[in-house]
């Protein structure tokens, strides 16, 4: 449950457009799984996706899109020398 920090009010989010389409695709995919799950993002076995799993999926998608592997981050001292 999401609550606003100051007023503790629960915000309402309109589910329309691209968000509605995305949630529909997720629901259709999950309907094909034998295991039901309360989690929005699940793997092929119906188990929730962990952060490392999700990162790996994005990594593979970026590589197949032609962006290649991520570049190593530079140390803060190297950022000033640019």
N, C-alpha and C. Protein backbone atom coordinates (compact mmCIF):
# COMPACT_ATOMS: atom_id res chain seq x y z
N UNK A 1 0.85 -1.17 0.00
CA UNK A 1 0.00 0.00 0.00
C UNK A 1 0.91 1.24 0.00
N UNK A 2 0.59 2.18 -0.85
CA UNK A 2 1.34 3.43 -0.91
C UNK A 2 0.55 4.50 -0.19
N UNK A 3 1.23 5.23 0.69
CA UNK A 3 0.60 6.33 1.41
C UNK A 3 1.47 7.57 1.29
N UNK A 4 0.83 8.71 1.23
CA UNK A 4 1.54 9.97 1.18
C UNK A 4 2.17 10.21 2.54
N UNK A 5 3.44 10.63 2.58
CA UNK A 5 4.16 10.70 3.84
C UNK A 5 3.59 11.74 4.81
N UNK A 6 3.21 12.90 4.33
CA UNK A 6 2.76 13.95 5.24
C UNK A 6 1.32 13.75 5.70
N UNK A 7 0.40 13.48 4.79
CA UNK A 7 -1.02 13.40 5.14
C UNK A 7 -1.49 11.97 5.37
N UNK A 8 -0.66 10.99 5.03
CA UNK A 8 -1.00 9.56 5.13
C UNK A 8 -2.19 9.18 4.23
N UNK A 9 -2.48 10.02 3.26
CA UNK A 9 -3.57 9.75 2.33
C UNK A 9 -3.12 8.71 1.30
N UNK A 10 -4.04 7.89 0.87
CA UNK A 10 -3.77 6.91 -0.17
C UNK A 10 -4.05 7.56 -1.53
N UNK A 11 -3.02 7.71 -2.37
CA UNK A 11 -3.25 8.35 -3.68
C UNK A 11 -4.01 7.43 -4.61
N UNK A 12 -4.78 8.01 -5.49
CA UNK A 12 -5.50 7.25 -6.52
C UNK A 12 -4.77 7.42 -7.83
N UNK A 13 -4.58 6.32 -8.52
CA UNK A 13 -3.87 6.34 -9.79
C UNK A 13 -4.82 5.84 -10.87
N UNK A 14 -5.02 6.64 -11.90
CA UNK A 14 -5.89 6.24 -13.01
C UNK A 14 -5.14 5.23 -13.88
N UNK A 15 -5.76 4.11 -14.11
CA UNK A 15 -5.15 3.08 -14.94
C UNK A 15 -5.77 3.19 -16.33
N UNK A 16 -5.06 3.97 -17.18
CA UNK A 16 -5.52 4.24 -18.54
C UNK A 16 -4.34 4.18 -19.49
N UNK A 17 -4.61 4.14 -20.75
CA UNK A 17 -3.57 4.23 -21.78
C UNK A 17 -2.55 3.10 -21.74
N UNK A 18 -1.27 3.48 -21.80
CA UNK A 18 -0.18 2.50 -21.86
C UNK A 18 -0.09 1.67 -20.58
N UNK A 19 -0.38 2.28 -19.44
CA UNK A 19 -0.35 1.53 -18.18
C UNK A 19 -1.41 0.43 -18.20
N UNK A 20 -2.59 0.74 -18.69
CA UNK A 20 -3.67 -0.25 -18.77
C UNK A 20 -3.28 -1.38 -19.71
N UNK A 21 -2.66 -1.04 -20.84
CA UNK A 21 -2.23 -2.06 -21.80
C UNK A 21 -1.14 -2.96 -21.19
N UNK A 22 -0.19 -2.35 -20.48
CA UNK A 22 0.88 -3.11 -19.85
C UNK A 22 0.33 -4.06 -18.80
N UNK A 23 -0.56 -3.57 -17.95
CA UNK A 23 -1.14 -4.42 -16.91
C UNK A 23 -1.98 -5.55 -17.53
N UNK A 24 -2.62 -5.28 -18.66
CA UNK A 24 -3.37 -6.31 -19.36
C UNK A 24 -2.46 -7.41 -19.89
N UNK A 25 -1.29 -7.01 -20.44
CA UNK A 25 -0.33 -8.00 -20.93
C UNK A 25 0.22 -8.84 -19.79
N UNK A 26 0.52 -8.20 -18.65
CA UNK A 26 1.03 -8.93 -17.48
C UNK A 26 -0.02 -9.91 -16.97
N UNK A 27 -1.26 -9.46 -16.90
CA UNK A 27 -2.35 -10.32 -16.42
C UNK A 27 -2.53 -11.52 -17.33
N UNK A 28 -2.47 -11.31 -18.65
CA UNK A 28 -2.62 -12.41 -19.61
C UNK A 28 -1.48 -13.40 -19.48
N UNK A 29 -0.26 -12.91 -19.28
CA UNK A 29 0.89 -13.80 -19.13
C UNK A 29 0.77 -14.62 -17.85
N UNK A 30 0.37 -13.96 -16.76
CA UNK A 30 0.24 -14.66 -15.49
C UNK A 30 -0.90 -15.67 -15.52
N UNK A 31 -1.92 -15.44 -16.34
CA UNK A 31 -3.04 -16.38 -16.43
C UNK A 31 -2.58 -17.72 -17.01
N UNK A 32 -1.52 -17.69 -17.81
CA UNK A 32 -0.99 -18.91 -18.40
C UNK A 32 -0.11 -19.71 -17.47
N UNK A 33 0.21 -19.17 -16.31
CA UNK A 33 1.06 -19.88 -15.35
C UNK A 33 0.20 -20.74 -14.44
N UNK A 34 0.77 -21.86 -14.00
CA UNK A 34 0.04 -22.76 -13.10
C UNK A 34 -0.01 -22.23 -11.67
N UNK A 35 0.97 -21.40 -11.30
CA UNK A 35 1.06 -20.90 -9.93
C UNK A 35 0.50 -19.49 -9.88
N UNK A 36 -0.37 -19.23 -8.92
CA UNK A 36 -0.86 -17.86 -8.76
C UNK A 36 0.06 -17.13 -7.80
N UNK A 37 0.24 -15.84 -8.02
CA UNK A 37 1.16 -15.05 -7.22
C UNK A 37 0.59 -13.66 -7.01
N UNK A 38 0.85 -13.08 -5.85
CA UNK A 38 0.40 -11.72 -5.58
C UNK A 38 1.34 -10.70 -6.19
N UNK A 39 2.51 -11.15 -6.67
CA UNK A 39 3.51 -10.25 -7.22
C UNK A 39 3.20 -9.91 -8.67
N UNK A 40 3.48 -8.68 -9.05
CA UNK A 40 3.21 -8.22 -10.40
C UNK A 40 4.17 -8.84 -11.41
N UNK A 41 5.45 -8.86 -11.07
CA UNK A 41 6.47 -9.40 -11.96
C UNK A 41 6.91 -10.76 -11.45
N UNK A 42 6.69 -11.79 -12.27
CA UNK A 42 7.04 -13.15 -11.89
C UNK A 42 7.85 -13.81 -12.99
N UNK A 43 8.57 -14.88 -12.62
CA UNK A 43 9.33 -15.62 -13.62
C UNK A 43 8.46 -16.71 -14.23
N UNK A 44 9.05 -17.60 -15.00
CA UNK A 44 8.31 -18.63 -15.70
C UNK A 44 7.65 -19.63 -14.75
N UNK A 45 8.18 -19.75 -13.53
CA UNK A 45 7.62 -20.68 -12.55
C UNK A 45 6.59 -20.02 -11.65
N UNK A 46 6.30 -18.73 -11.85
CA UNK A 46 5.32 -18.03 -11.04
C UNK A 46 5.88 -17.43 -9.77
N UNK A 47 7.20 -17.45 -9.61
CA UNK A 47 7.84 -16.88 -8.43
C UNK A 47 8.19 -15.42 -8.70
N UNK A 48 8.21 -14.60 -7.66
CA UNK A 48 8.50 -13.18 -7.87
C UNK A 48 9.90 -12.97 -8.42
N UNK A 49 10.06 -11.94 -9.24
CA UNK A 49 11.36 -11.59 -9.78
C UNK A 49 12.13 -10.81 -8.73
N UNK A 50 13.36 -11.23 -8.47
CA UNK A 50 14.21 -10.49 -7.54
C UNK A 50 14.86 -9.33 -8.29
N UNK A 51 15.46 -8.43 -7.57
CA UNK A 51 16.14 -7.30 -8.23
C UNK A 51 17.24 -7.77 -9.18
N UNK A 52 18.10 -8.72 -8.75
CA UNK A 52 19.13 -9.19 -9.70
C UNK A 52 18.52 -9.83 -10.94
N UNK A 53 17.43 -10.58 -10.79
CA UNK A 53 16.77 -11.19 -11.95
C UNK A 53 16.25 -10.12 -12.89
N UNK A 54 15.61 -9.11 -12.34
CA UNK A 54 15.06 -8.02 -13.14
C UNK A 54 16.17 -7.28 -13.88
N UNK A 55 17.28 -7.04 -13.18
CA UNK A 55 18.42 -6.36 -13.80
C UNK A 55 18.98 -7.19 -14.95
N UNK A 56 19.03 -8.51 -14.75
CA UNK A 56 19.54 -9.39 -15.81
C UNK A 56 18.63 -9.34 -17.03
N UNK A 57 17.31 -9.31 -16.82
CA UNK A 57 16.38 -9.22 -17.95
C UNK A 57 16.58 -7.92 -18.72
N UNK A 58 16.75 -6.81 -18.00
CA UNK A 58 16.99 -5.52 -18.67
C UNK A 58 18.33 -5.53 -19.39
N UNK A 59 19.34 -6.15 -18.78
CA UNK A 59 20.67 -6.24 -19.41
C UNK A 59 20.58 -6.98 -20.74
N UNK A 60 19.88 -8.11 -20.74
CA UNK A 60 19.73 -8.88 -21.98
C UNK A 60 18.95 -8.10 -23.03
N UNK A 61 17.91 -7.38 -22.60
CA UNK A 61 17.11 -6.59 -23.54
C UNK A 61 17.95 -5.47 -24.15
N UNK A 62 18.77 -4.82 -23.34
CA UNK A 62 19.62 -3.74 -23.86
C UNK A 62 20.64 -4.28 -24.85
N UNK A 63 21.21 -5.44 -24.54
CA UNK A 63 22.20 -6.02 -25.44
C UNK A 63 21.55 -6.43 -26.76
N UNK A 64 20.35 -6.98 -26.71
CA UNK A 64 19.69 -7.37 -27.96
C UNK A 64 19.22 -6.15 -28.75
N UNK A 65 19.04 -5.01 -28.07
CA UNK A 65 18.66 -3.77 -28.75
C UNK A 65 19.87 -3.07 -29.35
N UNK A 66 21.06 -3.62 -29.10
CA UNK A 66 22.26 -3.05 -29.70
C UNK A 66 22.98 -2.05 -28.84
N UNK A 67 22.60 -1.92 -27.57
CA UNK A 67 23.29 -0.96 -26.71
C UNK A 67 24.56 -1.55 -26.12
N UNK A 68 24.70 -2.87 -26.12
CA UNK A 68 25.89 -3.51 -25.60
C UNK A 68 25.92 -3.53 -24.08
N UNK A 69 26.98 -4.10 -23.54
CA UNK A 69 27.09 -4.18 -22.08
C UNK A 69 27.29 -2.79 -21.47
N UNK A 70 26.95 -2.64 -20.19
CA UNK A 70 27.11 -1.32 -19.57
C UNK A 70 28.57 -0.95 -19.44
N UNK A 71 28.83 0.34 -19.57
CA UNK A 71 30.20 0.81 -19.40
C UNK A 71 30.52 0.86 -17.92
N UNK A 72 31.77 0.58 -17.54
CA UNK A 72 32.12 0.67 -16.12
C UNK A 72 32.03 2.11 -15.64
N UNK A 73 31.62 2.27 -14.42
CA UNK A 73 31.52 3.62 -13.86
C UNK A 73 32.91 4.14 -13.54
N UNK A 74 33.07 5.45 -13.70
CA UNK A 74 34.36 6.06 -13.41
C UNK A 74 34.39 6.52 -11.96
N UNK A 75 35.55 6.49 -11.39
CA UNK A 75 35.72 6.95 -10.01
C UNK A 75 35.46 8.44 -9.94
N UNK A 76 34.97 8.97 -8.80
CA UNK A 76 34.70 10.41 -8.68
C UNK A 76 35.91 11.27 -9.01
N UNK A 77 37.10 10.81 -8.69
CA UNK A 77 38.29 11.61 -9.01
C UNK A 77 38.51 11.72 -10.51
N UNK A 78 38.11 10.70 -11.28
CA UNK A 78 38.24 10.74 -12.73
C UNK A 78 37.21 11.67 -13.36
N UNK A 79 36.06 11.85 -12.71
CA UNK A 79 35.03 12.72 -13.25
C UNK A 79 35.49 14.17 -13.29
N UNK A 80 36.29 14.58 -12.32
CA UNK A 80 36.77 15.96 -12.26
C UNK A 80 37.86 16.21 -13.29
N UNK A 81 38.55 15.16 -13.71
CA UNK A 81 39.68 15.31 -14.64
C UNK A 81 39.24 15.39 -16.08
N UNK A 82 37.98 15.31 -16.37
CA UNK A 82 37.49 15.29 -17.76
C UNK A 82 37.65 16.61 -18.42
